[in-house]
Every structure is written in structure tokens, then in C-alpha cells.
Protein backbone atom coordinates (compact mmCIF):
# COMPACT_ATOMS: atom_id res chain seq x y z
CA MET A 1 35.99 64.83 37.11
CA ARG A 2 33.40 65.33 34.37
CA PHE A 3 34.32 61.89 32.95
CA LEU A 4 33.88 60.26 36.37
CA LYS A 5 30.47 61.89 36.81
CA MET A 6 29.37 60.70 33.38
CA THR A 7 30.59 57.15 34.10
CA PHE A 8 28.77 57.13 37.44
CA LEU A 9 25.58 58.44 35.79
CA LEU A 10 25.67 55.73 33.09
CA ALA A 11 26.22 53.05 35.73
CA VAL A 12 23.25 54.32 37.74
CA ILE A 13 21.05 54.36 34.63
CA PHE A 14 22.10 50.82 33.67
CA LEU A 15 21.55 49.52 37.20
CA SER A 16 18.20 51.23 37.47
CA GLY A 17 17.13 49.77 34.15
CA SER A 18 18.14 46.28 35.31
CA ILE A 19 16.24 46.68 38.59
CA ILE A 20 13.12 47.93 36.78
CA ALA A 21 13.26 45.02 34.31
CA GLN A 22 13.70 42.56 37.17
CA GLU A 23 10.75 44.06 39.07
CA GLU A 24 8.58 43.85 35.92
CA ASN A 25 9.51 40.18 35.51
CA ASN A 26 8.74 39.45 39.17
CA PHE A 27 5.33 41.09 38.81
CA GLU A 28 4.57 39.05 35.66
CA ILE A 29 5.60 35.84 37.43
CA SER A 30 3.34 36.57 40.43
CA LYS A 31 0.47 37.53 38.13
CA SER A 32 0.88 34.40 35.99
CA LEU A 33 1.03 32.09 39.00
CA GLU A 34 -2.15 33.62 40.44
CA ILE A 35 -3.99 33.23 37.12
CA TYR A 36 -2.70 29.67 36.71
CA GLY A 37 -3.84 28.73 40.22
CA ASP A 38 -7.29 30.23 39.63
CA ILE A 39 -7.69 28.33 36.34
CA MET A 40 -6.71 25.04 37.94
CA ARG A 41 -9.13 25.56 40.84
CA GLN A 42 -12.01 26.53 38.53
CA LEU A 43 -11.38 23.51 36.30
CA ASN A 44 -11.36 21.21 39.30
CA LEU A 45 -14.60 22.74 40.58
CA ASN A 46 -16.60 23.27 37.40
CA TYR A 47 -15.31 21.04 34.58
CA ALA A 48 -17.95 18.57 33.35
CA ASP A 49 -15.78 15.53 34.12
CA ASN A 50 -13.15 14.72 36.71
CA ILE A 51 -9.72 16.13 35.88
CA ASN A 52 -6.25 14.89 36.74
CA PRO A 53 -4.45 17.97 38.12
CA GLY A 54 -1.07 16.22 38.01
CA ASN A 55 -1.33 15.43 34.31
CA LEU A 56 -2.61 18.91 33.49
CA ASN A 57 0.26 20.45 35.42
CA GLN A 58 2.79 18.27 33.59
CA ASP A 59 1.30 19.29 30.22
CA ALA A 60 1.41 22.98 31.20
CA ILE A 61 5.05 22.76 32.29
CA ASP A 62 6.05 20.85 29.12
CA ALA A 63 4.33 23.47 26.93
CA MET A 64 6.07 26.31 28.77
CA LEU A 65 9.54 24.78 28.51
CA LYS A 66 9.00 23.84 24.87
CA ASN A 67 9.23 27.56 24.04
CA LEU A 68 12.78 27.72 25.40
CA ASP A 69 15.14 24.99 24.18
CA PRO A 70 15.03 21.16 24.05
CA TYR A 71 17.52 20.80 26.90
CA THR A 72 15.52 22.63 29.59
CA VAL A 73 13.25 19.98 31.12
CA TYR A 74 11.25 19.30 34.27
CA ILE A 75 12.05 16.08 36.12
CA PRO A 76 9.17 15.03 38.43
CA GLU A 77 9.76 12.99 41.56
CA SER A 78 8.45 9.85 39.82
CA LYS A 79 11.28 10.06 37.27
CA MET A 80 14.06 11.04 39.64
CA GLU A 81 15.50 7.56 40.19
CA ASP A 82 15.77 6.93 36.45
CA TYR A 83 17.32 10.34 35.89
CA GLU A 84 19.91 9.93 38.65
CA LEU A 85 20.91 6.53 37.32
CA MET A 86 21.07 7.56 33.67
CA SER A 87 23.12 10.67 34.47
CA LYS A 88 25.72 8.27 35.85
CA GLY A 89 25.49 6.07 32.75
CA GLU A 90 23.79 3.31 34.71
CA TYR A 91 20.34 2.04 35.70
CA GLY A 92 18.69 -0.81 37.56
CA GLY A 93 17.46 -3.52 35.22
CA ILE A 94 18.23 -6.70 33.30
CA GLY A 95 20.75 -5.15 30.90
CA ALA A 96 19.39 -5.39 27.36
CA MET A 97 18.40 -3.24 24.44
CA ILE A 98 14.88 -3.86 23.15
CA GLN A 99 12.86 -3.00 20.04
CA LYS A 100 9.28 -3.38 18.80
CA GLN A 101 8.56 -6.01 16.14
CA GLY A 102 4.93 -6.59 15.32
CA ASP A 103 2.84 -7.24 18.43
CA TRP A 104 5.83 -7.93 20.63
CA VAL A 105 8.90 -6.25 22.03
CA VAL A 106 12.03 -8.31 21.42
CA ILE A 107 15.55 -8.36 22.80
CA SER A 108 17.70 -6.58 20.21
CA GLU A 109 20.99 -6.82 22.08
CA PRO A 110 21.78 -8.14 25.58
CA TYR A 111 24.67 -6.40 27.34
CA GLU A 112 27.57 -8.72 27.98
CA GLY A 113 27.98 -9.71 31.63
CA PHE A 114 24.57 -8.51 32.82
CA PRO A 115 21.46 -10.45 33.94
CA ALA A 116 19.76 -10.86 30.54
CA GLN A 117 22.86 -12.36 28.94
CA LYS A 118 23.72 -14.44 31.99
CA SER A 119 20.17 -15.84 32.01
CA GLY A 120 20.54 -16.99 28.42
CA LEU A 121 18.43 -14.33 26.70
CA GLN A 122 19.51 -13.59 23.14
CA ALA A 123 18.71 -11.16 20.35
CA GLY A 124 15.38 -12.00 18.75
CA ASP A 125 13.77 -13.40 21.91
CA GLU A 126 10.20 -12.13 22.34
CA ILE A 127 9.18 -10.72 25.72
CA ARG A 128 5.75 -12.27 26.32
CA VAL A 129 4.88 -11.69 29.99
CA ILE A 130 6.42 -9.53 32.73
CA ASP A 131 5.41 -10.26 36.33
CA GLY A 132 2.13 -11.79 35.18
CA ASP A 133 1.18 -8.97 32.78
CA SER A 134 1.02 -9.70 29.05
CA ALA A 135 3.41 -7.62 26.95
CA ARG A 136 1.40 -8.04 23.73
CA GLY A 137 0.91 -4.68 22.05
CA LYS A 138 2.96 -2.81 24.66
CA SER A 139 5.39 -0.10 23.59
CA THR A 140 9.13 -0.38 24.15
CA SER A 141 8.94 2.36 26.80
CA ALA A 142 6.17 0.51 28.69
CA VAL A 143 8.14 -2.76 28.61
CA SER A 144 11.33 -0.95 29.61
CA GLU A 145 9.59 0.57 32.66
CA LYS A 146 8.46 -2.91 33.77
CA LEU A 147 11.93 -4.40 33.36
CA LYS A 148 13.69 -1.62 35.24
CA GLY A 149 13.76 -1.52 39.01
CA THR A 150 15.89 -1.38 42.10
CA PRO A 151 19.06 -3.49 41.84
CA GLY A 152 18.64 -6.71 43.83
CA THR A 153 14.92 -7.05 43.15
CA ALA A 154 13.57 -9.86 40.96
CA VAL A 155 11.41 -9.73 37.86
CA ASN A 156 9.66 -12.71 36.26
CA VAL A 157 9.98 -12.58 32.49
CA THR A 158 8.36 -15.06 30.11
CA ILE A 159 10.35 -15.37 26.88
CA ARG A 160 9.68 -17.05 23.57
CA HIS A 161 13.11 -17.76 22.16
CA PHE A 162 13.84 -17.17 18.51
CA ASN A 163 12.57 -20.03 16.31
CA SER A 164 10.70 -21.59 19.24
CA ASN A 165 6.98 -22.31 19.71
CA THR A 166 7.08 -22.59 23.48
CA ASP A 167 7.50 -20.05 26.27
CA THR A 168 10.04 -20.14 29.09
CA THR A 169 9.79 -18.10 32.29
CA TYR A 170 12.93 -16.70 33.92
CA THR A 171 13.27 -15.12 37.33
CA ILE A 172 15.92 -12.48 36.76
CA VAL A 173 17.50 -10.48 39.57
CA ARG A 174 18.03 -6.90 38.47
CA GLU A 175 21.50 -5.40 38.72
CA LYS A 176 22.99 -1.95 38.44
CA VAL A 177 23.65 -1.84 34.71
CA LYS A 178 26.62 0.31 33.83
CA ILE A 179 26.92 1.19 30.15
CA PRO A 180 30.67 1.30 29.40
CA ASN A 181 32.04 4.67 28.35
CA VAL A 182 34.70 2.91 26.28
CA PRO A 183 33.14 -0.16 24.64
CA TYR A 184 36.31 -0.98 22.72
CA TYR A 185 39.95 -0.03 22.32
CA GLY A 186 42.67 -1.80 20.39
CA MET A 187 44.83 -1.54 17.30
CA VAL A 188 43.59 -0.57 13.83
CA SER A 189 46.99 -1.17 12.22
CA LYS A 190 50.36 -2.49 13.33
CA ASN A 191 51.37 0.70 15.17
CA ILE A 192 48.20 2.77 15.41
CA GLY A 193 45.80 2.51 18.32
CA TYR A 194 42.09 3.17 18.53
CA ILE A 195 39.79 4.25 21.38
CA SER A 196 35.99 4.46 21.09
CA LEU A 197 34.15 6.72 23.56
CA ILE A 198 30.34 6.62 23.37
CA GLN A 199 29.40 8.88 26.32
CA PHE A 200 30.81 11.22 28.96
CA SER A 201 29.33 9.72 32.11
CA GLN A 202 31.16 9.35 35.41
CA ASN A 203 34.73 8.04 35.11
CA ALA A 204 34.88 8.62 31.35
CA GLY A 205 38.17 10.46 31.83
CA ASN A 206 39.75 7.56 33.71
CA ASP A 207 38.36 5.04 31.23
CA VAL A 208 39.97 6.82 28.25
CA LYS A 209 43.17 7.40 30.21
CA ASN A 210 43.44 3.71 31.17
CA ALA A 211 42.73 2.63 27.58
CA PHE A 212 45.47 4.94 26.29
CA LEU A 213 47.99 3.80 28.91
CA THR A 214 47.24 0.15 28.09
CA LEU A 215 47.84 0.78 24.39
CA LYS A 216 51.16 2.49 25.17
CA LYS A 217 52.21 -0.31 27.51
CA GLU A 218 51.29 -3.18 25.20
CA HIS A 219 52.56 -1.55 22.01
CA LYS A 220 55.97 0.02 22.55
CA ASN A 221 56.10 1.29 18.96
CA LEU A 222 52.74 3.05 19.13
CA LYS A 223 53.00 5.88 16.60
CA GLY A 224 49.51 7.39 16.80
CA VAL A 225 45.97 7.11 18.18
CA VAL A 226 42.55 7.41 16.58
CA PHE A 227 40.04 8.76 19.13
CA ASP A 228 36.47 8.05 17.99
CA LEU A 229 33.81 10.55 19.12
CA ARG A 230 31.32 9.81 16.35
CA SER A 231 27.69 9.81 17.54
CA ASN A 232 28.82 10.69 21.06
CA GLY A 233 26.15 13.07 22.34
CA GLY A 234 28.21 14.33 25.26
CA GLY A 235 27.63 14.28 28.99
CA LEU A 236 29.60 15.60 31.94
CA LEU A 237 31.70 18.69 31.25
CA ASN A 238 34.33 17.87 33.88
CA GLU A 239 34.98 14.52 32.19
CA ALA A 240 35.61 16.35 28.92
CA VAL A 241 38.26 18.45 30.64
CA LYS A 242 39.91 15.33 32.07
CA ILE A 243 40.03 13.68 28.65
CA ALA A 244 41.54 16.76 27.00
CA ASN A 245 44.14 16.75 29.79
CA ILE A 246 45.42 13.35 28.59
CA TRP A 247 46.98 15.04 25.55
CA LEU A 248 47.20 18.69 26.65
CA PRO A 249 49.54 20.03 29.39
CA LYS A 250 48.56 21.43 32.77
CA ASN A 251 46.87 24.85 33.11
CA ARG A 252 45.48 24.95 29.57
CA LEU A 253 42.06 26.55 29.17
CA ILE A 254 39.63 23.95 27.82
CA VAL A 255 36.27 25.68 28.10
CA LYS A 256 34.69 28.80 29.55
CA THR A 257 30.98 29.08 30.40
CA LYS A 258 29.21 32.45 30.33
CA GLY A 259 25.78 32.77 31.91
CA LYS A 260 23.34 35.56 32.73
CA ILE A 261 24.46 35.56 36.35
CA LYS A 262 28.00 35.51 37.67
CA ALA A 263 27.51 32.18 39.46
CA ASN A 264 27.10 30.48 36.07
CA THR A 265 30.31 31.88 34.58
CA HIS A 266 33.27 29.54 35.03
CA THR A 267 36.64 28.75 33.53
CA TYR A 268 37.83 25.14 33.25
CA ASN A 269 41.54 24.42 32.87
CA THR A 270 43.51 21.19 32.76
CA GLN A 271 44.59 20.26 36.28
CA ALA A 272 47.36 17.70 35.87
CA ALA A 273 50.39 16.92 33.79
CA ALA A 274 49.49 15.41 30.41
CA ILE A 275 50.10 11.74 29.65
CA ASP A 276 51.48 12.46 26.17
CA THR A 277 51.63 15.82 24.36
CA LYS A 278 53.52 14.55 21.29
CA ILE A 279 51.89 11.40 19.95
CA PRO A 280 49.96 12.03 16.70
CA LEU A 281 46.23 12.15 17.34
CA VAL A 282 43.23 11.93 15.00
CA ILE A 283 39.73 12.65 16.33
CA LEU A 284 36.76 11.23 14.40
CA VAL A 285 33.50 13.22 14.48
CA ASN A 286 30.14 13.34 12.71
CA GLY A 287 26.82 15.18 12.80
CA ASN A 288 25.83 13.46 16.07
CA THR A 289 29.03 14.45 17.87
CA ALA A 290 27.76 16.99 20.39
CA SER A 291 28.35 18.98 23.57
CA ALA A 292 31.20 17.51 25.66
CA SER A 293 32.46 15.73 22.54
CA GLU A 294 32.70 19.09 20.81
CA ILE A 295 34.58 20.53 23.76
CA VAL A 296 37.22 17.81 23.43
CA SER A 297 37.45 17.87 19.62
CA GLY A 298 37.28 21.67 19.56
CA SER A 299 40.01 22.12 22.15
CA MET A 300 42.27 19.71 20.26
CA GLN A 301 41.68 21.72 17.09
CA ASP A 302 42.18 25.09 18.81
CA TYR A 303 45.51 23.99 20.28
CA ASP A 304 46.53 22.31 16.99
CA ARG A 305 46.95 19.10 18.99
CA GLY A 306 45.12 16.69 16.68
CA VAL A 307 43.61 16.38 13.22
CA ILE A 308 39.81 16.29 13.06
CA ILE A 309 38.35 13.92 10.43
CA GLY A 310 34.71 13.31 9.50
CA SER A 311 31.73 15.60 9.04
CA ARG A 312 30.64 18.81 10.79
CA THR A 313 29.57 18.22 14.39
CA PHE A 314 26.11 18.88 15.83
CA GLY A 315 26.77 22.32 17.30
CA LYS A 316 25.55 22.21 20.93
CA GLY A 317 27.22 25.02 22.81
CA LEU A 318 24.81 25.22 25.73
CA VAL A 319 25.41 24.21 29.35
CA GLN A 320 22.74 22.76 31.65
CA ASN A 321 22.52 22.55 35.41
CA VAL A 322 20.08 20.55 37.53
CA ILE A 323 18.34 22.64 40.19
CA PRO A 324 16.28 21.12 43.04
CA ILE A 325 12.71 22.46 43.23
CA SER A 326 9.57 21.70 45.25
CA TYR A 327 8.29 18.20 46.08
CA ASN A 328 11.54 16.36 45.39
CA SER A 329 11.49 17.40 41.73
CA LYS A 330 14.27 19.01 39.72
CA LEU A 331 14.63 21.42 36.82
CA LYS A 332 17.33 20.80 34.26
CA VAL A 333 17.88 24.27 32.87
CA THR A 334 20.19 25.87 30.31
CA ILE A 335 22.33 28.28 32.34
CA ALA A 336 25.11 29.33 29.99
CA LYS A 337 26.83 29.09 26.63
CA TYR A 338 30.28 27.57 26.47
CA TYR A 339 33.31 28.86 24.64
CA ILE A 340 36.30 26.73 23.64
CA PRO A 341 39.94 27.92 23.80
CA SER A 342 39.95 30.05 20.62
CA GLY A 343 37.01 32.01 22.06
CA ARG A 344 34.33 30.61 19.75
CA CYS A 345 30.91 29.30 20.73
CA ILE A 346 29.93 26.43 18.47
CA GLN A 347 26.16 26.60 19.12
CA ALA A 348 24.47 26.07 15.75
CA ILE A 349 20.81 26.75 16.59
CA ASN A 350 19.63 30.11 17.93
CA TYR A 351 16.96 29.42 20.55
CA PHE A 352 17.12 32.81 22.23
CA ASP A 353 16.74 35.71 19.78
CA ARG A 354 13.35 34.83 18.33
CA GLN A 355 9.80 36.07 18.60
CA GLN A 356 7.14 34.19 20.55
CA GLY A 357 5.95 31.22 18.50
CA ASP A 358 8.77 31.37 15.96
CA ASP A 359 10.80 28.24 15.28
CA PRO A 360 14.49 28.31 16.25
CA SER A 361 16.85 28.92 13.35
CA LYS A 362 20.47 28.31 12.47
CA VAL A 363 22.96 31.06 13.12
CA PRO A 364 23.00 33.07 9.84
CA ASP A 365 26.23 33.36 7.85
CA SER A 366 26.26 37.12 8.49
CA LEU A 367 26.78 36.46 12.20
CA ILE A 368 29.52 33.84 11.79
CA ASN A 369 32.87 35.05 13.18
CA ALA A 370 36.44 33.95 12.47
CA PHE A 371 38.86 32.93 15.23
CA LYS A 372 42.44 31.68 15.30
CA THR A 373 43.91 28.47 16.65
CA LYS A 374 47.11 28.62 18.70
CA GLY A 375 49.13 28.12 15.50
CA GLY A 376 47.21 30.71 13.52
CA ARG A 377 44.75 28.59 11.56
CA THR A 378 41.32 30.16 10.94
CA VAL A 379 38.30 28.51 12.55
CA TYR A 380 34.70 29.66 12.87
CA ASP A 381 31.91 29.80 15.43
CA GLY A 382 28.19 29.29 15.07
CA GLY A 383 27.98 25.82 13.58
CA GLY A 384 29.77 23.01 15.36
CA ILE A 385 33.33 21.87 14.70
CA GLU A 386 34.35 21.87 11.04
CA PRO A 387 36.71 18.91 10.43
CA ASP A 388 40.19 19.44 9.04
CA ILE A 389 39.43 16.66 6.57
CA LYS A 390 35.80 16.21 5.58
CA ILE A 391 34.50 12.79 4.61
CA LYS A 392 30.94 12.21 3.53
CA ASN A 393 28.90 9.97 5.78
CA GLN A 394 28.66 6.47 4.37
CA LYS A 395 25.18 6.00 2.94
CA PHE A 396 23.84 2.60 2.07
CA ASN A 397 21.77 1.95 -1.02
CA GLN A 398 17.99 1.99 -0.50
CA VAL A 399 17.82 -1.79 -0.91
CA THR A 400 20.35 -2.34 1.88
CA GLY A 401 18.63 0.21 4.09
CA ASP A 402 15.25 -1.44 3.61
CA LEU A 403 16.67 -4.90 4.35
CA TYR A 404 18.01 -3.52 7.62
CA ALA A 405 14.87 -1.54 8.49
CA GLN A 406 12.61 -4.55 7.84
CA ASN A 407 14.79 -6.67 10.17
CA TYR A 408 15.89 -9.23 7.55
CA ILE A 409 19.54 -8.81 8.54
CA PHE A 410 18.61 -8.89 12.24
CA LYS A 411 16.58 -12.09 11.87
CA PHE A 412 19.12 -13.85 9.67
CA ALA A 413 21.81 -13.17 12.30
CA ASN A 414 19.49 -14.64 14.92
CA ARG A 415 19.02 -17.77 12.82
CA TYR A 416 22.76 -18.05 12.24
CA ARG A 417 23.38 -17.81 16.00
CA SER A 418 20.82 -20.55 16.68
CA ARG A 419 22.71 -22.91 14.33
CA HIS A 420 26.32 -22.08 15.22
CA ASP A 421 27.69 -22.16 18.76
CA SER A 422 30.78 -20.09 17.96
CA ILE A 423 32.58 -18.12 15.26
CA SER A 424 36.13 -16.87 14.75
CA ASP A 425 37.42 -13.63 16.28
CA PRO A 426 35.73 -10.36 15.18
CA GLY A 427 38.77 -9.36 13.16
CA LEU A 428 38.80 -12.68 11.27
CA PHE A 429 35.14 -13.57 10.69
CA THR A 430 33.89 -12.96 7.14
CA VAL A 431 30.64 -13.49 5.30
CA SER A 432 31.40 -15.96 2.52
CA ASP A 433 29.66 -16.00 -0.85
CA SER A 434 27.83 -19.16 0.18
CA LEU A 435 26.57 -17.46 3.34
CA PHE A 436 25.39 -14.52 1.24
CA GLU A 437 23.48 -16.95 -1.00
CA ALA A 438 21.90 -18.43 2.13
CA PHE A 439 20.80 -14.93 3.09
CA LYS A 440 19.24 -14.40 -0.35
CA ASN A 441 17.32 -17.65 0.05
CA PHE A 442 16.26 -16.55 3.55
CA VAL A 443 14.88 -13.30 2.15
CA GLY A 444 13.25 -15.04 -0.83
CA ASP A 445 10.14 -13.35 -2.17
CA LYS A 446 9.12 -11.93 1.20
CA PHE A 447 11.17 -8.75 0.82
CA ASP A 448 8.93 -5.94 -0.41
CA TYR A 449 10.29 -2.49 -1.13
CA LYS A 450 9.51 0.32 -3.51
CA THR A 451 12.19 2.03 -5.56
CA GLU A 452 12.18 5.68 -6.56
CA THR A 453 11.76 4.55 -10.17
CA GLU A 454 8.56 2.71 -9.26
CA ALA A 455 7.29 5.80 -7.48
CA VAL A 456 7.98 7.91 -10.57
CA LEU A 457 6.15 5.41 -12.81
CA LYS A 458 3.18 5.44 -10.44
CA ARG A 459 3.01 9.22 -10.55
CA LEU A 460 3.33 9.10 -14.35
CA ARG A 461 0.41 6.68 -14.60
CA GLU A 462 -1.73 8.89 -12.33
CA SER A 463 -0.84 12.00 -14.33
CA ALA A 464 -1.60 10.22 -17.60
CA GLU A 465 -5.03 9.24 -16.31
CA ARG A 466 -5.82 12.79 -15.20
CA GLU A 467 -4.69 14.26 -18.50
CA ALA A 468 -6.34 11.60 -20.69
CA TYR A 469 -3.07 10.13 -22.01
CA ALA A 470 -3.52 6.77 -20.28
CA SER A 471 -4.71 4.79 -23.32
CA ALA A 472 -1.87 6.12 -25.46
CA ILE A 473 1.03 5.38 -23.09
CA ASP A 474 -0.31 2.63 -20.82
CA SER A 475 1.47 -0.15 -22.75
CA THR A 476 4.78 1.76 -22.51
CA ILE A 477 4.37 2.18 -18.76
CA GLN A 478 3.60 -1.54 -18.41
CA ILE A 479 6.80 -2.42 -20.28
CA LEU A 480 8.83 -0.13 -18.01
CA GLU A 481 7.20 -1.57 -14.87
CA LYS A 482 8.02 -5.11 -16.02
CA GLU A 483 11.65 -4.19 -16.73
CA VAL A 484 12.00 -2.54 -13.32
CA LYS A 485 10.56 -5.66 -11.67
CA GLU A 486 13.13 -7.83 -13.45
CA GLU A 487 15.98 -5.48 -12.49
CA LYS A 488 14.90 -5.52 -8.84
CA LYS A 489 15.65 -9.24 -8.74
CA LYS A 490 19.33 -8.30 -9.20
CA ASP A 491 19.36 -5.65 -6.47
CA LEU A 492 20.72 -7.89 -3.72
CA ASP A 493 23.62 -8.97 -5.94
CA LYS A 494 24.30 -5.38 -7.04
CA ASN A 495 24.60 -4.36 -3.38
CA LYS A 496 26.33 -7.53 -2.28
CA GLU A 497 29.36 -5.98 -0.58
CA GLU A 498 27.50 -3.54 1.66
CA ILE A 499 24.92 -6.18 2.56
CA LYS A 500 27.74 -8.56 3.50
CA GLN A 501 29.25 -5.79 5.62
CA LEU A 502 26.06 -5.37 7.66
CA LEU A 503 25.60 -9.14 7.93
CA ARG A 504 29.13 -9.52 9.27
CA ILE A 505 28.66 -6.84 11.94
CA GLU A 506 25.24 -8.17 12.98
CA ILE A 507 26.42 -11.79 13.26
CA ILE A 508 29.54 -10.81 15.21
CA THR A 509 27.35 -8.87 17.66
CA ARG A 510 25.50 -12.10 18.51
CA TYR A 511 28.73 -13.61 19.85
CA TYR A 512 30.95 -10.71 20.92
CA TYR A 513 28.32 -8.11 21.86
CA GLN A 514 29.07 -4.38 21.82
CA LYS A 515 32.83 -4.77 21.89
CA GLY A 516 32.82 -7.06 18.86
CA LYS A 517 30.34 -4.81 17.06
CA VAL A 518 32.63 -1.81 17.31
CA GLN A 519 35.73 -3.80 16.38
CA SER A 520 34.04 -5.32 13.33
CA SER A 521 32.65 -1.99 12.10
CA LEU A 522 36.18 -0.57 11.77
CA ILE A 523 37.21 -2.98 9.01
CA ASP A 524 35.45 -1.21 6.12
CA ASP A 525 35.44 2.26 7.66
CA PRO A 526 36.68 4.98 5.24
CA GLU A 527 37.33 7.43 8.10
CA ILE A 528 39.51 4.89 9.89
CA ALA A 529 41.40 4.30 6.63
CA LYS A 530 41.95 8.05 6.22
CA ALA A 531 43.05 8.42 9.85
CA ILE A 532 45.65 5.68 9.40
CA GLU A 533 46.86 7.33 6.21
CA VAL A 534 47.25 10.74 7.89
CA ILE A 535 49.10 9.36 10.94
CA ASN A 536 51.44 7.35 8.71
CA ASN A 537 52.23 10.45 6.65
CA VAL A 538 54.12 12.67 9.11
CA ASP A 539 54.48 15.52 6.63
CA GLU A 540 50.74 15.62 5.88
CA TYR A 541 49.85 15.44 9.57
CA GLN A 542 52.15 18.33 10.47
CA SER A 543 51.17 20.45 7.48
CA ILE A 544 47.47 20.20 8.42
CA LEU A 545 48.18 21.34 11.98
CA LYS A 546 50.38 24.19 10.74
CA GLY A 547 47.77 25.32 8.24
CA ILE A 548 50.08 24.67 5.29
CA SER A 549 48.12 21.79 3.77
CA LYS A 550 44.75 22.52 2.26
CA THR A 551 42.27 21.10 4.74
CA SER A 552 38.61 20.18 4.54
CA VAL A 553 39.25 18.01 1.49
CA GLU A 554 36.14 16.10 0.43
CA GLU A 555 36.93 12.40 0.28
CA LYS A 556 34.86 10.34 -2.15
């Protein structure tokens, strides 16, 4: 009896404390709204110049939400159509990626089968005028807004094609542009399939399922599948559950969400019989693999269903919901954390337990907890999904990176496309030595970049001048600068293979678009090579999943 009284008393105290805290919050909200309204009215009445209440309100809301997390955002009525379309992985427009180059925005990649491509627009074409308005100096976002619109409506676009001195005007009818969830699937070796998933928008589950079934149907001796989630930022949670269900049996827990209120706490299980619970599976991930992608890769790891290869994932373990609010606006708000089957939350950044004004921080090592997979392997929370086999991200040399950043590779591919009507299949096309020499001639003396060595020599010269050593060592510095300049002439040849790799992918994209780009990028991919090796070695594959083999091996 005494125990029951004590339990009842504690419950009353807890409930009372919760009610008091809620009442204090409600009072603060009412007080803040009253103050905010008074400030806005006084500004409108007394400020020396006219104000724009809508813009001020937007700024105030953005500043308030900035103190929470980057995923909680206000969506005004003016942005609702774009948001609704993009949440479905589609939008109304001409179907092209664009980028800023100098004074103009150019087509960087038309989507195959959509209005821009069907109208004859190609990568490198400058967008000069849109519906009578000059696009000179406009940002990519401003141009994008002008090109987007309701499907079925027309937009007049004046284009200056690559290597042309004249302008051509096209009347392009906008369409509903659907970005494919699965841009490519196929075979990466004789008996090993590959599926690339770039987002979790509507129908992602069916798209992956159909790709997998096609691979099984067309390749009777299929012995494994590589599922590529690299740089997939996530999307719809229910699609993640459907994809996990392809390889995991019915009634398996995939993810649990836990929110502050009961309505935001849910459990998501697989709902159907799996397509295949036995076929060897490798999941590729990297630092931009996030959210729904981590649910899929994490559930496969927790059930010991597949081997994870790559680098540690992003670590987004937060769930958002979109709530309707006044004046046809919506609030996308973080409502819960999610937990994958082993019980771990993989959120890497702590947005919640911090003082006002403090920057968010990573979860400290002292708060990292160990969990067990179904087979008994140890896994950890608080920092994304740790791969079973770690492979460093491929980093290009500075010279190659600068060639790409300064659009030399982009422009050379455009020139190549203007001179060649067709090329061989993506899996067969290569950049010959003669084509590489043509690229070097194309670059010529125009390519300007600064090496780290040059930066060091510049700092040395400045230090020598400050410390009065300049006259003594100036001749030595000049000799070093001259030698560096001579060595730089060899940089393109020293980085020949990786430059040829980027040239091949860029040229193939001009003819085979996104599908060809993905297919071509797999040829020199070290993670693909490792995935094939693991699937072909049954003993290694099984030993990793059983925790026998040493995992997280750094591949050089």
C-alpha cells in the first residue's frame, strides 16, 4: 500500500511539473506574440521609410528557426507549388540542369526525354533571354524561377548555342519533369548486378524492386547485387521501408520514431514477403549518404543482410513532418528521432542540448553507445553508419580539380559533341592518347592555377622582405619559382589518367545523359571493384557478416 501511495505521489508530481512547464511555455508564447505584433505595428507607423512587413516577417521566422536545426523550415504560400512538386521528385519546367558561367547561365545537362533535350538544347548553350527579359547577370536561382512553371504552359527562351555567334529563340512547352529515382541499373561484371538510387521520392520502392526483378529475370546466374546509395540524401521514410523489404522478410522492424508526443512515435515494419533474402548484397555509402539511405543501409547492417562498403555516412537521425499553418503556408518541423533495428540512433550532430547562441556539436565519444546486430556484431550510435569495409573517398589532384572547376573539361566535352554526332556505347568509349593531346592543346596557356608550392614561396618572399632577408635569398627564390613553373608544364601529363577519366565521363554524358554518366563512372570505381571482389569471395562475405573477418579495413 505504501509503495502504491509513493508511486501515485511521484506520478502526480511529474504530471504537475509537466503542466506547470506547459503553462509557462504558453505564457511565453502569448507574451512574445504580443511584443512581436507591437514591434511590427510601431515600425509600420514610425519607421523613417516604408517597410515591407512580409519580408520582415520572413526574416524573423528564418532567424527563429535557425536556432533549432537546418531541417525545420517555413514554407510560405508562394513556395508551396515548388515544394509539393519537389517532394514528389518532380517539378514543372523544361528539364535541364543549369550553372553560372561568367555573365550568363548555361545549360549544364539537359534531362533525356524532356522539353529542353527534345527542343535541341545541349550542354554549354547560353540562356540569353526568357520571355523577353534579358538573363545577363542573373543568378541560377533567378533563371530557374523563370524557366519553371505550370506543366502545359509555354516559355520563350533565346539560346546562344555553344560555339555560335547568333541567337535562336525556342518556344518550349513546360512538362512535369520527373527526376528518376533509379537513373541506372545493369551489370558490373558477368554475374553481379548494380542498382543506383539517387533519391527516395514517390515510387522509389517500386523502382528499385522492378530494377532488381529485371536483373534476376535477364541474368539467371545472378550471384550478387551492388546497391549504390552514395550521395543519396534521403527522402520518404515509407519508401525506405519498402526498399528494405525487397531483401528482408515480412514483419521485420526497420525503423522506430520517438517524438516528444505520442502521436509522433511510430514503428515501421516490413509489410510483404521479401523478393530475395539470400542473394549476396553490398551497399555502397559515403559521407553524403543520409536519412532514408541510412535507414536502409543501417537495417541491412543490423540484420547482417548485406556488407556495407565506403565511408562513414552523414548521420541524420531526425524525422520531419509537414504541418499546415495559416494562409496556405506550411511548417516542415523536426518531430522525432529515428532508431534502426539494433536500437541505435545514428544522429551525428546534437542540435538540442545546447545553450542559446551556441553552435551545434558532434555527439562526444563519451556518449557513444554500443549495440549488437542480429548476429552479434558490435555497432555504434551517434555518428552515422560505419561501413564494414572502409575505403577512402577518391580525391583528384589539385590540377585535375582546377581543370574541372574552371570548366575546361566541361567546355572540351561541348566542343567534342559539336564535332561528333555519335560515339560508341558508354561501356566501350575511351579517351585515346590523341584525344588527350587535343585536350592539352585546347587548354593551352589559358589554364591558370596556383600550387601549394607557389603559395609557400610567396609567403617565404613576404617573410624575407619583412625580416630583411630579401636581398640575401631573392635569387634562390627566383630559381625555385622558375623550376616550379617548368614543372607545372608537366602537370597535365602527370595526372593524365584521372584527367582522361573525367573527360570520358563528361563526353559520354553529352550523348547518353544521366544514365550513361552513371554507367561510365563505374569503370574506374575502387568501391565497385571491392564490392565485386567481396561478392565473388563467398568466405569473405560470410565472415564479415558473422563478425569473424576483421572489418573496417582501410583500402588504399
